[in-house]
Amino acid sequence: MTDEKTVDLGKPFKYEWFGVGDINGFFGIMFDNVTVLAFLATILIVFFDMPKDIVMTKMFPGTAFGVLVGDLVYSWTAFRLANRTKKHVTAMPLGLDTPSTIGIAFAVLGPAYKGYLEQGMTPHDAGMQTWYLGMATMIYVGIFKTIFSFFGNWLMKVVPQAGLLGSLAGVGLALLGFGPTVEIMSAPVIGMVALGILLYNMVAGIKLPFNIPGVFASVVVGTILYYVLGPLGLAGVQYQSPTASALSFNLPWPSLGFIAGLKDGLQYLPVAIPFAILTVVGGINVTESARLAGDEYDTREVLLVEAIATLVAGVCGGVAQSTPYIGQPAFKEMGSRSGYTILTGLVVGIGGMMGIIGFIVDVIPAACLAPILVFVALNIICQAFTACPAKYGPAVAFAFFPNVARAVWIKINELPKDVFEQTPKFFNEHFVTMVMCNGFILTAMLWGAFLSLMIDRKFKLSACYLLILAFLSFFGIIHSVCPNGNMYLPWHLETAYQMNAAYQFSLGYLVLGVLIFVLSFSKEAQEIPAEPAV
């Protein structure tokens, strides 16, 4: 945990609300919001063929404005808490809720749009009516969350800590960690290098040369690799150049447009309300997590702010709910205070109004955003075990199982008849999931080994383990590209698709191993690590 500065009792306390750690925190939460908006845009525009201008100029501004309001209010509550406790606290991170944004897009907005088309509406009219329906859904969700925000403190008292943190860690393991890891390994060279830089800086705690923020370096290096390897067909995913759409200013004025969607929105309440409950429970968990990290926020206040932010988004045209983000201790560990939430709110809010967020969504590949989610997942999983007494370990672990079942169920429902694409260069997530499962015990052992060695600053030995991973994946001992998990000589594989995958996965480990070896000679890598606080 970040060391708290000692307050000089002879001087009035002054909250230092911005520091270097806020830069890392800003990139982390900002890119997370951008990732969620990217998911939203992809689902509505690509899967359901909704008009792009309605998504980008109608739905995005109000959705982003809700984030702006929520983050600014959370920053204000951090100032209040700091002045009351005389400590340099970390603000609650707020952003778009990933599960509900994806779920409502797939289960509410997309089907509603298709239904309006079947009624004879034009694509534009159907898109507008879907927008009104999305606004109405946010109003319903916001009202529900406002009512239940008054029961937060009571729930905190009656639900055991192991249950609170275990459920949160289960989300981190099965949803926040697993999905992004698949995204990372869908573009092995790009994703592994971006993840490796983040692990090197944020988990092993080693400064990058010139003290470059790890999140920033991870995204920049990964994006550069994407635009170098992508046009050559070596990225592992389909390369897409950013669109040169003109930026436009769309102010999210409050309106009564949601009234037109209230009636139709009633039929989708069985889908929307469970997502509202999920964020209420998540808000309670996040508050408990922050309390353990040393920042004692009021649960009711935290829940009420997220409810208000969701209502504001709905009135102003938003179609996705805001929620306090899990992993507040991770941002505290970075040294973030309140500057990161202020910057995030301003950049996401103003960027959503001016079309900048839509442009960023086009520019940065998902494999470069996914490592940020993995880092937060690692933090909350570890906290669940370290914060609870050892005897509660089985309870924490038992809380993982429903989340794992959910992740598996999602994949079973999505599974196509054939996991192999006809295009030999690009890998779909079902194929990658299969490859990750092959040899998983050995893979898990070696992943844990190379990261623990990196944390101990035994970089050359860590690089050796990465070379071993490269060797084993090359011959299918791990990450076999065959459905039956067999080993092979890659040049004897039956299809170009499988052969390319075998080379890509092996090359990803090889490049990361070389990078860690090179970084081992940097001045920062030679520094003696600080002793952990007792």
Protein backbone atom coordinates (compact mmCIF):
# COMPACT_ATOMS: atom_id res chain seq x y z
CA MET A 1 0.00 0.00 0.00
CA THR A 2 1.18 3.51 -0.69
CA ASP A 3 2.91 5.06 2.30
CA GLU A 4 0.83 7.76 3.94
CA LYS A 5 2.71 10.96 4.65
CA THR A 6 2.96 11.92 8.28
CA VAL A 7 0.88 14.97 9.06
CA ASP A 8 2.76 17.74 10.84
CA LEU A 9 0.49 18.66 13.74
CA GLY A 10 1.97 22.16 13.79
CA LYS A 11 0.76 22.91 10.27
CA PRO A 12 -2.72 22.83 8.81
CA PHE A 13 -3.36 19.70 6.74
CA LYS A 14 -3.35 20.22 2.99
CA TYR A 15 -4.58 17.39 0.79
CA GLU A 16 -2.09 16.65 -1.98
CA TRP A 17 -4.68 15.62 -4.54
CA PHE A 18 -2.41 15.13 -7.55
CA GLY A 19 0.86 13.24 -7.95
CA VAL A 20 2.80 11.09 -10.41
CA GLY A 21 0.66 8.10 -9.45
CA ASP A 22 -2.39 9.89 -10.80
CA ILE A 23 -0.95 9.64 -14.31
CA ASN A 24 -0.87 5.83 -14.15
CA GLY A 25 -4.28 5.79 -12.50
CA PHE A 26 -5.69 8.09 -15.17
CA PHE A 27 -4.48 5.93 -18.04
CA GLY A 28 -5.77 2.82 -16.30
CA ILE A 29 -9.33 3.97 -15.67
CA MET A 30 -9.58 6.10 -18.82
CA PHE A 31 -8.55 3.24 -21.10
CA ASP A 32 -10.90 0.94 -19.21
CA ASN A 33 -13.80 3.25 -20.06
CA VAL A 34 -12.60 3.45 -23.65
CA THR A 35 -12.52 -0.35 -23.78
CA VAL A 36 -16.12 -0.59 -22.57
CA LEU A 37 -17.22 2.00 -25.13
CA ALA A 38 -15.36 -0.01 -27.77
CA PHE A 39 -17.32 -3.10 -26.76
CA LEU A 40 -20.59 -1.14 -26.90
CA ALA A 41 -19.85 0.29 -30.34
CA THR A 42 -18.73 -3.07 -31.75
CA ILE A 43 -21.83 -4.90 -30.54
CA LEU A 44 -24.32 -2.32 -31.80
CA ILE A 45 -22.63 -1.34 -35.06
CA VAL A 46 -21.00 -4.60 -36.14
CA PHE A 47 -23.31 -7.28 -34.74
CA PHE A 48 -26.65 -5.48 -35.08
CA ASP A 49 -25.89 -3.05 -37.95
CA MET A 50 -27.17 -0.05 -36.02
CA PRO A 51 -26.43 3.31 -37.70
CA LYS A 52 -22.96 4.43 -36.57
CA ASP A 53 -23.93 8.10 -36.30
CA ILE A 54 -26.65 7.32 -33.74
CA VAL A 55 -24.27 5.28 -31.60
CA MET A 56 -21.42 7.80 -31.76
CA THR A 57 -23.33 11.11 -31.70
CA LYS A 58 -26.43 10.20 -29.66
CA MET A 59 -25.53 7.37 -27.27
CA PHE A 60 -21.85 8.07 -26.60
CA PRO A 61 -22.09 11.72 -25.41
CA GLY A 62 -24.68 11.10 -22.69
CA THR A 63 -23.01 7.85 -21.62
CA ALA A 64 -19.67 9.63 -21.27
CA PHE A 65 -21.30 12.58 -19.48
CA GLY A 66 -22.53 10.23 -16.76
CA VAL A 67 -18.90 9.21 -16.18
CA LEU A 68 -17.89 12.88 -15.97
CA VAL A 69 -20.52 13.65 -13.32
CA GLY A 70 -19.76 10.53 -11.27
CA ASP A 71 -15.98 10.97 -11.29
CA LEU A 72 -16.18 14.64 -10.32
CA VAL A 73 -18.52 13.86 -7.41
CA TYR A 74 -16.29 11.00 -6.25
CA SER A 75 -13.30 13.38 -6.41
CA TRP A 76 -15.21 15.85 -4.24
CA THR A 77 -16.00 13.12 -1.68
CA ALA A 78 -12.28 12.25 -1.58
CA PHE A 79 -11.44 15.88 -0.73
CA ARG A 80 -14.02 15.77 2.07
CA LEU A 81 -12.71 12.47 3.44
CA ALA A 82 -9.10 13.67 3.28
CA ASN A 83 -9.86 16.86 5.18
CA ARG A 84 -11.88 14.95 7.77
CA THR A 85 -9.34 12.16 8.38
CA LYS A 86 -6.18 14.22 7.69
CA LYS A 87 -4.92 11.52 5.30
CA HIS A 88 -4.00 11.57 1.63
CA VAL A 89 -6.80 9.32 0.45
CA THR A 90 -7.45 7.89 -3.00
CA ALA A 91 -10.70 8.80 -4.74
CA MET A 92 -13.17 6.11 -5.71
CA PRO A 93 -12.73 5.23 -9.39
CA LEU A 94 -15.96 5.37 -11.39
CA GLY A 95 -16.66 4.27 -14.91
CA LEU A 96 -18.93 2.29 -17.17
CA ASP A 97 -19.95 -1.12 -15.86
CA THR A 98 -18.55 -3.75 -18.23
CA PRO A 99 -20.92 -6.72 -17.64
CA SER A 100 -24.09 -4.64 -17.82
CA THR A 101 -22.92 -2.55 -20.79
CA ILE A 102 -22.23 -5.70 -22.79
CA GLY A 103 -25.30 -7.49 -21.45
CA ILE A 104 -27.73 -4.64 -22.15
CA ALA A 105 -26.23 -4.13 -25.60
CA PHE A 106 -26.74 -7.82 -26.46
CA ALA A 107 -29.99 -8.47 -24.59
CA VAL A 108 -31.82 -5.12 -24.77
CA LEU A 109 -30.57 -2.60 -27.32
CA GLY A 110 -29.66 -5.00 -30.13
CA PRO A 111 -32.84 -7.11 -30.02
CA ALA A 112 -34.99 -3.97 -29.63
CA TYR A 113 -33.40 -2.46 -32.75
CA LYS A 114 -34.05 -5.62 -34.74
CA GLY A 115 -37.62 -5.69 -33.46
CA TYR A 116 -38.25 -2.11 -34.59
CA LEU A 117 -36.90 -2.96 -38.04
CA GLU A 118 -39.31 -5.89 -38.24
CA GLN A 119 -42.14 -3.47 -37.47
CA GLY A 120 -41.31 -1.62 -40.69
CA MET A 121 -39.23 1.26 -39.32
CA THR A 122 -36.32 2.64 -41.30
CA PRO A 123 -32.83 1.96 -39.85
CA HIS A 124 -32.61 5.59 -38.69
CA ASP A 125 -36.03 5.60 -37.01
CA ALA A 126 -35.37 2.20 -35.44
CA GLY A 127 -32.01 3.44 -34.17
CA MET A 128 -33.59 6.55 -32.64
CA GLN A 129 -36.34 4.53 -30.93
CA THR A 130 -33.67 2.15 -29.60
CA TRP A 131 -31.83 5.17 -28.23
CA TYR A 132 -34.98 6.31 -26.40
CA LEU A 133 -35.41 2.79 -25.05
CA GLY A 134 -31.81 2.78 -23.80
CA MET A 135 -32.35 6.10 -22.05
CA ALA A 136 -35.50 4.76 -20.38
CA THR A 137 -33.65 1.65 -19.24
CA MET A 138 -31.06 3.82 -17.52
CA ILE A 139 -33.84 5.77 -15.78
CA TYR A 140 -35.36 2.53 -14.46
CA VAL A 141 -31.94 1.27 -13.35
CA GLY A 142 -31.05 4.60 -11.73
CA ILE A 143 -34.29 4.69 -9.71
CA PHE A 144 -33.73 1.13 -8.53
CA LYS A 145 -30.15 1.88 -7.48
CA THR A 146 -31.22 5.06 -5.67
CA ILE A 147 -33.71 3.11 -3.54
CA PHE A 148 -31.23 0.37 -2.68
CA SER A 149 -28.39 2.78 -1.93
CA PHE A 150 -29.96 3.27 1.51
CA PHE A 151 -29.44 -0.40 2.41
CA GLY A 152 -25.70 -0.50 1.72
CA ASN A 153 -24.43 -0.06 5.29
CA TRP A 154 -26.85 -2.70 6.56
CA LEU A 155 -25.64 -5.21 3.97
CA MET A 156 -22.03 -4.44 4.91
CA LYS A 157 -22.79 -5.48 8.51
CA VAL A 158 -24.64 -8.73 7.78
CA VAL A 159 -22.53 -10.12 4.91
CA PRO A 160 -19.19 -11.67 6.01
CA GLN A 161 -15.98 -10.13 4.70
CA ALA A 162 -14.95 -13.35 2.98
CA GLY A 163 -18.19 -13.34 1.02
CA LEU A 164 -17.78 -9.71 0.00
CA LEU A 165 -14.17 -9.99 -1.11
CA GLY A 166 -14.55 -13.53 -2.43
CA SER A 167 -17.34 -12.56 -4.80
CA LEU A 168 -15.32 -9.57 -5.96
CA ALA A 169 -12.22 -11.71 -6.52
CA GLY A 170 -14.31 -14.25 -8.38
CA VAL A 171 -15.38 -11.55 -10.81
CA GLY A 172 -11.74 -10.60 -11.20
CA LEU A 173 -10.73 -14.19 -11.88
CA ALA A 174 -13.47 -15.40 -14.21
CA LEU A 175 -14.66 -12.26 -15.97
CA LEU A 176 -12.27 -9.33 -15.52
CA GLY A 177 -9.16 -11.50 -15.88
CA PHE A 178 -10.11 -14.38 -18.17
CA GLY A 179 -11.77 -12.46 -21.02
CA PRO A 180 -8.98 -9.89 -21.40
CA THR A 181 -6.35 -12.67 -21.24
CA VAL A 182 -8.04 -14.33 -24.21
CA GLU A 183 -7.94 -10.96 -25.98
CA ILE A 184 -4.22 -10.63 -25.19
CA MET A 185 -3.38 -14.05 -26.55
CA SER A 186 -5.48 -13.51 -29.65
CA ALA A 187 -2.65 -11.20 -30.73
CA PRO A 188 0.29 -13.00 -29.08
CA VAL A 189 3.21 -10.73 -29.90
CA ILE A 190 1.32 -7.49 -29.28
CA GLY A 191 -0.66 -8.66 -26.26
CA MET A 192 2.16 -10.44 -24.45
CA VAL A 193 4.58 -7.56 -24.85
CA ALA A 194 1.97 -5.04 -23.63
CA LEU A 195 1.09 -7.29 -20.68
CA GLY A 196 4.75 -7.98 -19.91
CA ILE A 197 5.57 -4.28 -19.66
CA LEU A 198 2.65 -3.76 -17.29
CA LEU A 199 3.66 -6.74 -15.12
CA TYR A 200 7.27 -5.52 -15.07
CA ASN A 201 6.31 -2.05 -13.89
CA MET A 202 3.07 -2.42 -11.93
CA VAL A 203 3.38 -5.92 -10.40
CA ALA A 204 7.13 -6.43 -10.03
CA GLY A 205 7.39 -2.75 -9.07
CA ILE A 206 10.38 -1.91 -11.27
CA LYS A 207 10.67 1.54 -12.77
CA LEU A 208 10.91 1.83 -16.53
CA PRO A 209 13.78 3.89 -17.99
CA PHE A 210 13.16 7.63 -17.55
CA ASN A 211 10.38 6.71 -15.10
CA ILE A 212 7.87 6.31 -17.94
CA PRO A 213 4.42 5.31 -16.56
CA GLY A 214 3.89 1.57 -17.08
CA VAL A 215 0.30 1.83 -18.33
CA PHE A 216 1.26 4.49 -20.84
CA ALA A 217 4.29 2.54 -22.06
CA SER A 218 2.28 -0.67 -22.37
CA VAL A 219 -0.40 0.93 -24.53
CA VAL A 220 2.03 2.90 -26.70
CA VAL A 221 4.42 -0.01 -27.38
CA GLY A 222 1.54 -2.41 -28.05
CA THR A 223 -0.17 0.03 -30.40
CA ILE A 224 3.05 0.64 -32.34
CA LEU A 225 3.55 -3.12 -32.72
CA TYR A 226 -0.03 -3.44 -33.97
CA TYR A 227 0.44 -0.86 -36.70
CA VAL A 228 3.80 -2.36 -37.70
CA LEU A 229 2.78 -6.03 -37.69
CA GLY A 230 -0.88 -5.63 -38.63
CA PRO A 231 -0.44 -4.58 -42.29
CA LEU A 232 1.98 -7.53 -42.70
CA GLY A 233 -0.62 -9.98 -41.43
CA LEU A 234 1.53 -10.85 -38.40
CA ALA A 235 -0.64 -9.43 -35.63
CA GLY A 236 -2.78 -12.53 -35.10
CA VAL A 237 -5.96 -10.45 -35.47
CA GLN A 238 -7.56 -8.76 -38.44
CA TYR A 239 -5.81 -5.44 -39.04
CA GLN A 240 -8.06 -2.40 -39.34
CA SER A 241 -6.78 1.09 -40.03
CA PRO A 242 -8.47 3.89 -38.04
CA THR A 243 -11.30 5.69 -39.77
CA ALA A 244 -10.83 9.33 -40.61
CA SER A 245 -14.28 10.38 -39.44
CA ALA A 246 -14.65 14.08 -38.72
CA LEU A 247 -14.86 15.11 -35.09
CA SER A 248 -18.15 16.68 -34.11
CA PHE A 249 -19.38 18.38 -30.96
CA ASN A 250 -22.55 16.85 -29.52
CA LEU A 251 -23.57 18.38 -26.21
CA PRO A 252 -25.62 15.92 -24.09
CA TRP A 253 -28.48 18.28 -23.23
CA PRO A 254 -31.04 16.93 -20.73
CA SER A 255 -34.18 15.86 -22.57
CA LEU A 256 -37.42 14.00 -22.12
CA GLY A 257 -36.63 11.63 -24.97
CA PHE A 258 -36.58 8.73 -22.53
CA ILE A 259 -40.37 9.09 -22.13
CA ALA A 260 -40.80 7.61 -25.63
CA GLY A 261 -39.01 4.46 -24.45
CA LEU A 262 -40.62 3.97 -21.03
CA LYS A 263 -43.41 1.67 -22.23
CA ASP A 264 -41.20 -0.59 -24.35
CA GLY A 265 -38.56 -0.54 -21.63
CA LEU A 266 -40.87 -2.32 -19.17
CA GLN A 267 -40.53 -5.61 -21.04
CA TYR A 268 -36.73 -5.49 -20.62
CA LEU A 269 -36.77 -4.86 -16.84
CA PRO A 270 -36.15 -8.58 -16.06
CA VAL A 271 -32.84 -8.16 -17.91
CA ALA A 272 -31.91 -4.67 -16.68
CA ILE A 273 -32.73 -4.98 -12.96
CA PRO A 274 -30.34 -7.90 -12.29
CA PHE A 275 -27.56 -5.75 -13.74
CA ALA A 276 -28.58 -2.95 -11.36
CA ILE A 277 -28.37 -5.38 -8.44
CA LEU A 278 -24.93 -6.45 -9.64
CA THR A 279 -23.61 -2.87 -9.45
CA VAL A 280 -25.18 -2.31 -6.01
CA VAL A 281 -23.43 -5.43 -4.69
CA GLY A 282 -20.28 -4.38 -6.53
CA GLY A 283 -20.45 -0.93 -4.93
CA ILE A 284 -20.66 -2.52 -1.49
CA ASN A 285 -17.67 -4.74 -2.29
CA VAL A 286 -15.64 -1.82 -3.62
CA THR A 287 -16.37 0.23 -0.51
CA GLU A 288 -15.23 -2.66 1.69
CA SER A 289 -12.11 -3.07 -0.44
CA ALA A 290 -11.30 0.65 -0.07
CA ARG A 291 -11.88 0.48 3.69
CA LEU A 292 -9.34 -2.32 4.00
CA ALA A 293 -6.89 -0.21 2.02
CA GLY A 294 -7.31 2.61 4.54
CA ASP A 295 -9.95 4.87 2.96
CA GLU A 296 -13.19 4.63 4.92
CA TYR A 297 -15.89 5.84 2.54
CA ASP A 298 -19.55 5.77 3.47
CA THR A 299 -21.30 2.94 1.61
CA ARG A 300 -24.57 4.81 1.18
CA GLU A 301 -22.80 7.82 -0.27
CA VAL A 302 -20.83 5.68 -2.74
CA LEU A 303 -23.97 3.88 -3.91
CA LEU A 304 -26.02 7.07 -4.14
CA VAL A 305 -23.40 8.77 -6.34
CA GLU A 306 -23.37 5.88 -8.81
CA ALA A 307 -27.18 5.94 -8.90
CA ILE A 308 -27.23 9.69 -9.61
CA ALA A 309 -24.57 9.32 -12.31
CA THR A 310 -26.71 6.64 -14.00
CA LEU A 311 -29.82 8.83 -13.83
CA VAL A 312 -27.92 11.81 -15.26
CA ALA A 313 -26.64 9.65 -18.10
CA GLY A 314 -30.15 8.42 -18.88
CA VAL A 315 -31.66 11.91 -18.94
CA CYS A 316 -28.83 13.15 -21.18
CA GLY A 317 -28.95 10.30 -23.70
CA GLY A 318 -26.73 7.64 -22.13
CA VAL A 319 -27.42 3.93 -22.54
CA ALA A 320 -24.88 2.39 -20.09
CA GLN A 321 -24.78 2.63 -16.30
CA SER A 322 -21.90 3.95 -14.22
CA THR A 323 -20.47 2.07 -11.27
CA PRO A 324 -17.55 2.39 -8.82
CA TYR A 325 -14.72 0.33 -10.24
CA ILE A 326 -13.26 -2.66 -8.44
CA GLY A 327 -9.59 -2.34 -7.61
CA GLN A 328 -9.51 0.97 -5.70
CA PRO A 329 -6.55 -0.39 -3.70
CA ALA A 330 -4.72 -0.95 -7.00
CA PHE A 331 -4.99 2.75 -7.79
CA LYS A 332 -3.94 3.56 -4.23
CA GLU A 333 -0.93 1.30 -4.70
CA MET A 334 -0.03 3.34 -7.80
CA GLY A 335 0.03 6.48 -5.65
CA SER A 336 -3.14 7.92 -7.15
CA ARG A 337 -5.15 10.48 -5.16
CA SER A 338 -7.98 12.47 -6.78
CA GLY A 339 -6.24 13.79 -9.87
CA TYR A 340 -6.82 10.57 -11.81
CA THR A 341 -10.60 10.64 -11.37
CA ILE A 342 -10.80 14.34 -12.25
CA LEU A 343 -8.74 13.79 -15.39
CA THR A 344 -10.72 10.68 -16.32
CA GLY A 345 -14.05 12.43 -15.94
CA LEU A 346 -12.94 15.40 -18.02
CA VAL A 347 -11.25 13.37 -20.77
CA VAL A 348 -14.00 10.76 -21.08
CA GLY A 349 -16.81 13.30 -20.73
CA ILE A 350 -15.46 15.94 -23.10
CA GLY A 351 -13.99 13.29 -25.41
CA GLY A 352 -17.37 11.60 -25.69
CA MET A 353 -19.03 14.90 -26.59
CA MET A 354 -16.45 15.79 -29.27
CA GLY A 355 -16.12 12.36 -30.85
CA ILE A 356 -12.56 11.91 -29.55
CA ILE A 357 -13.45 8.73 -27.65
CA GLY A 358 -14.92 7.24 -30.82
CA PHE A 359 -11.66 8.00 -32.63
CA ILE A 360 -9.59 6.46 -29.80
CA VAL A 361 -11.77 3.36 -30.00
CA ASP A 362 -10.75 3.04 -33.64
CA VAL A 363 -7.04 3.66 -33.04
CA ILE A 364 -6.04 1.49 -30.02
CA PRO A 365 -6.31 -2.30 -30.47
CA ALA A 366 -8.14 -4.27 -27.79
CA ALA A 367 -5.02 -6.37 -27.08
CA CYS A 368 -3.36 -3.20 -25.74
CA LEU A 369 -6.26 -2.28 -23.47
CA ALA A 370 -6.84 -5.77 -22.05
CA PRO A 371 -3.63 -5.89 -19.89
CA ILE A 372 -4.97 -3.01 -17.79
CA LEU A 373 -7.99 -5.11 -16.83
CA VAL A 374 -5.72 -8.07 -16.05
CA PHE A 375 -3.64 -5.94 -13.66
CA VAL A 376 -6.72 -4.81 -11.72
CA ALA A 377 -7.96 -8.42 -11.63
CA LEU A 378 -4.65 -9.61 -10.14
CA ASN A 379 -4.84 -6.93 -7.44
CA ILE A 380 -8.35 -7.73 -6.24
CA ILE A 381 -7.78 -11.49 -6.28
CA CYS A 382 -4.66 -11.13 -4.12
CA GLN A 383 -6.41 -8.77 -1.72
CA ALA A 384 -9.20 -11.27 -1.10
CA PHE A 385 -6.71 -13.76 0.33
CA THR A 386 -4.41 -11.35 2.15
CA ALA A 387 -7.12 -9.24 3.79
CA CYS A 388 -9.07 -12.19 5.22
CA PRO A 389 -7.63 -14.44 7.97
CA ALA A 390 -6.17 -17.68 6.60
CA LYS A 391 -8.98 -19.80 8.03
CA TYR A 392 -11.42 -18.07 5.66
CA GLY A 393 -9.39 -19.04 2.61
CA PRO A 394 -11.77 -21.88 1.61
CA ALA A 395 -14.72 -19.49 1.80
CA VAL A 396 -12.97 -16.99 -0.45
CA ALA A 397 -12.08 -19.74 -2.93
CA PHE A 398 -15.59 -21.22 -2.82
CA ALA A 399 -16.97 -17.84 -3.90
CA PHE A 400 -14.99 -18.17 -7.15
CA PHE A 401 -16.97 -21.11 -8.48
CA PRO A 402 -20.18 -19.34 -9.57
CA ASN A 403 -18.10 -16.79 -11.46
CA VAL A 404 -16.18 -19.54 -13.21
CA ALA A 405 -19.45 -21.25 -14.08
CA ARG A 406 -20.71 -18.00 -15.57
CA ALA A 407 -17.60 -17.56 -17.71
CA VAL A 408 -17.82 -21.16 -18.99
CA TRP A 409 -21.53 -20.82 -19.70
CA ILE A 410 -20.92 -17.70 -21.79
CA LYS A 411 -18.37 -19.57 -23.88
CA ILE A 412 -20.61 -22.64 -24.29
CA ASN A 413 -23.44 -20.49 -25.59
CA GLU A 414 -21.14 -18.72 -28.05
CA LEU A 415 -19.31 -21.83 -29.28
CA PRO A 416 -19.59 -22.25 -33.05
CA LYS A 417 -19.55 -25.62 -34.83
CA ASP A 418 -16.01 -25.08 -36.08
CA VAL A 419 -13.45 -23.14 -34.07
CA PHE A 420 -11.07 -22.89 -37.03
CA GLU A 421 -11.47 -19.88 -39.32
CA GLN A 422 -10.91 -20.19 -43.04
CA THR A 423 -8.60 -17.15 -43.01
CA PRO A 424 -5.22 -18.59 -41.95
CA LYS A 425 -3.73 -15.48 -40.30
CA PHE A 426 -6.34 -14.44 -37.74
CA PHE A 427 -7.47 -16.23 -34.59
CA ASN A 428 -10.96 -16.12 -33.10
CA GLU A 429 -11.48 -16.20 -29.35
CA HIS A 430 -12.98 -19.70 -29.33
CA PHE A 431 -9.85 -21.10 -30.91
CA VAL A 432 -7.67 -19.13 -28.47
CA THR A 433 -9.70 -20.40 -25.50
CA MET A 434 -9.09 -23.98 -26.68
CA VAL A 435 -5.36 -23.31 -27.12
CA MET A 436 -5.07 -21.75 -23.64
CA CYS A 437 -6.73 -24.81 -22.06
CA ASN A 438 -4.31 -27.31 -23.66
CA GLY A 439 -1.53 -28.05 -21.18
CA PHE A 440 -3.03 -25.62 -18.66
CA ILE A 441 -1.39 -27.12 -15.55
CA LEU A 442 2.13 -26.79 -16.94
CA THR A 443 1.30 -23.37 -18.39
CA ALA A 444 0.00 -22.10 -15.04
CA MET A 445 3.10 -23.36 -13.23
CA LEU A 446 5.47 -21.68 -15.68
CA TRP A 447 3.48 -18.42 -15.75
CA GLY A 448 3.67 -18.24 -11.96
CA ALA A 449 7.39 -19.06 -12.07
CA PHE A 450 8.42 -16.38 -14.55
CA LEU A 451 6.40 -13.67 -12.78
CA SER A 452 7.67 -14.58 -9.30
CA LEU A 453 11.24 -14.46 -10.58
CA MET A 454 10.55 -11.05 -12.12
CA ILE A 455 9.21 -9.81 -8.78
CA ASP A 456 12.43 -11.09 -7.14
CA ARG A 457 14.37 -9.18 -9.84
CA LYS A 458 15.94 -12.37 -11.21
CA PHE A 459 15.37 -11.13 -14.72
CA LYS A 460 17.68 -13.41 -16.67
CA LEU A 461 16.19 -16.49 -15.03
CA SER A 462 12.71 -15.08 -15.67
CA ALA A 463 13.65 -14.65 -19.33
CA CYS A 464 14.83 -18.28 -19.40
CA TYR A 465 11.40 -19.42 -18.27
CA LEU A 466 9.85 -17.40 -21.09
CA LEU A 467 12.18 -19.14 -23.54
CA ILE A 468 11.04 -22.48 -22.11
CA LEU A 469 7.43 -21.39 -22.67
CA ALA A 470 8.32 -20.45 -26.25
CA PHE A 471 9.93 -23.87 -26.80
CA LEU A 472 7.04 -25.83 -25.30
CA SER A 473 4.38 -23.89 -27.22
CA PHE A 474 6.31 -24.35 -30.48
CA PHE A 475 5.83 -28.12 -30.27
CA GLY A 476 2.34 -28.08 -28.72
CA ILE A 477 3.42 -29.36 -25.30
CA ILE A 478 1.48 -26.34 -24.07
CA HIS A 479 -0.94 -24.28 -26.19
CA SER A 480 -1.46 -27.14 -28.62
CA VAL A 481 -3.36 -25.90 -31.66
CA CYS A 482 -4.97 -29.34 -32.09
CA PRO A 483 -8.40 -29.89 -30.50
CA ASN A 484 -7.19 -33.12 -28.89
CA GLY A 485 -4.15 -31.38 -27.36
CA ASN A 486 -1.60 -33.52 -29.18
CA MET A 487 2.04 -32.50 -29.58
CA TYR A 488 3.47 -32.00 -33.07
CA LEU A 489 6.17 -30.67 -35.33
CA PRO A 490 4.63 -27.35 -36.43
CA TRP A 491 5.69 -27.72 -40.06
CA HIS A 492 3.72 -30.98 -40.21
CA LEU A 493 0.41 -29.44 -39.09
CA GLU A 494 -2.50 -29.96 -41.44
CA THR A 495 -3.67 -26.36 -41.96
CA ALA A 496 -1.96 -23.00 -42.44
CA TYR A 497 -4.23 -21.65 -39.70
CA GLN A 498 -2.81 -24.08 -37.12
CA MET A 499 0.76 -23.65 -38.33
CA ASN A 500 0.57 -19.86 -38.08
CA ALA A 501 -0.89 -20.10 -34.58
CA ALA A 502 1.93 -22.35 -33.37
CA TYR A 503 4.54 -19.89 -34.61
CA GLN A 504 2.66 -16.85 -33.23
CA PHE A 505 2.32 -18.16 -29.69
CA SER A 506 5.93 -19.26 -29.55
CA LEU A 507 7.10 -15.93 -30.97
CA GLY A 508 5.09 -14.00 -28.36
CA TYR A 509 6.96 -15.68 -25.51
CA LEU A 510 10.28 -15.32 -27.33
CA VAL A 511 9.91 -11.58 -27.90
CA LEU A 512 8.84 -10.99 -24.29
CA GLY A 513 11.80 -13.04 -23.05
CA VAL A 514 14.22 -10.96 -25.09
CA LEU A 515 12.59 -7.75 -23.83
CA ILE A 516 12.91 -8.80 -20.17
CA PHE A 517 16.55 -9.78 -20.79
CA VAL A 518 17.32 -6.37 -22.33
CA LEU A 519 15.53 -4.50 -19.53
CA SER A 520 17.63 -6.41 -16.97
CA PHE A 521 20.59 -4.23 -17.95
CA SER A 522 18.76 -0.96 -17.24
CA LYS A 523 19.74 1.19 -14.27
CA GLU A 524 16.29 0.86 -12.75
CA ALA A 525 16.48 -2.94 -12.81
CA GLN A 526 19.69 -2.84 -10.78
CA GLU A 527 18.11 -0.84 -7.95
CA ILE A 528 17.65 -2.64 -4.65
CA PRO A 529 13.91 -3.08 -4.03
CA ALA A 530 12.43 -1.36 -1.00
CA GLU A 531 11.63 -3.58 1.96
CA PRO A 532 7.89 -4.23 2.27
CA ALA A 533 6.13 -2.39 5.09
CA VAL A 534 5.47 -4.50 8.15
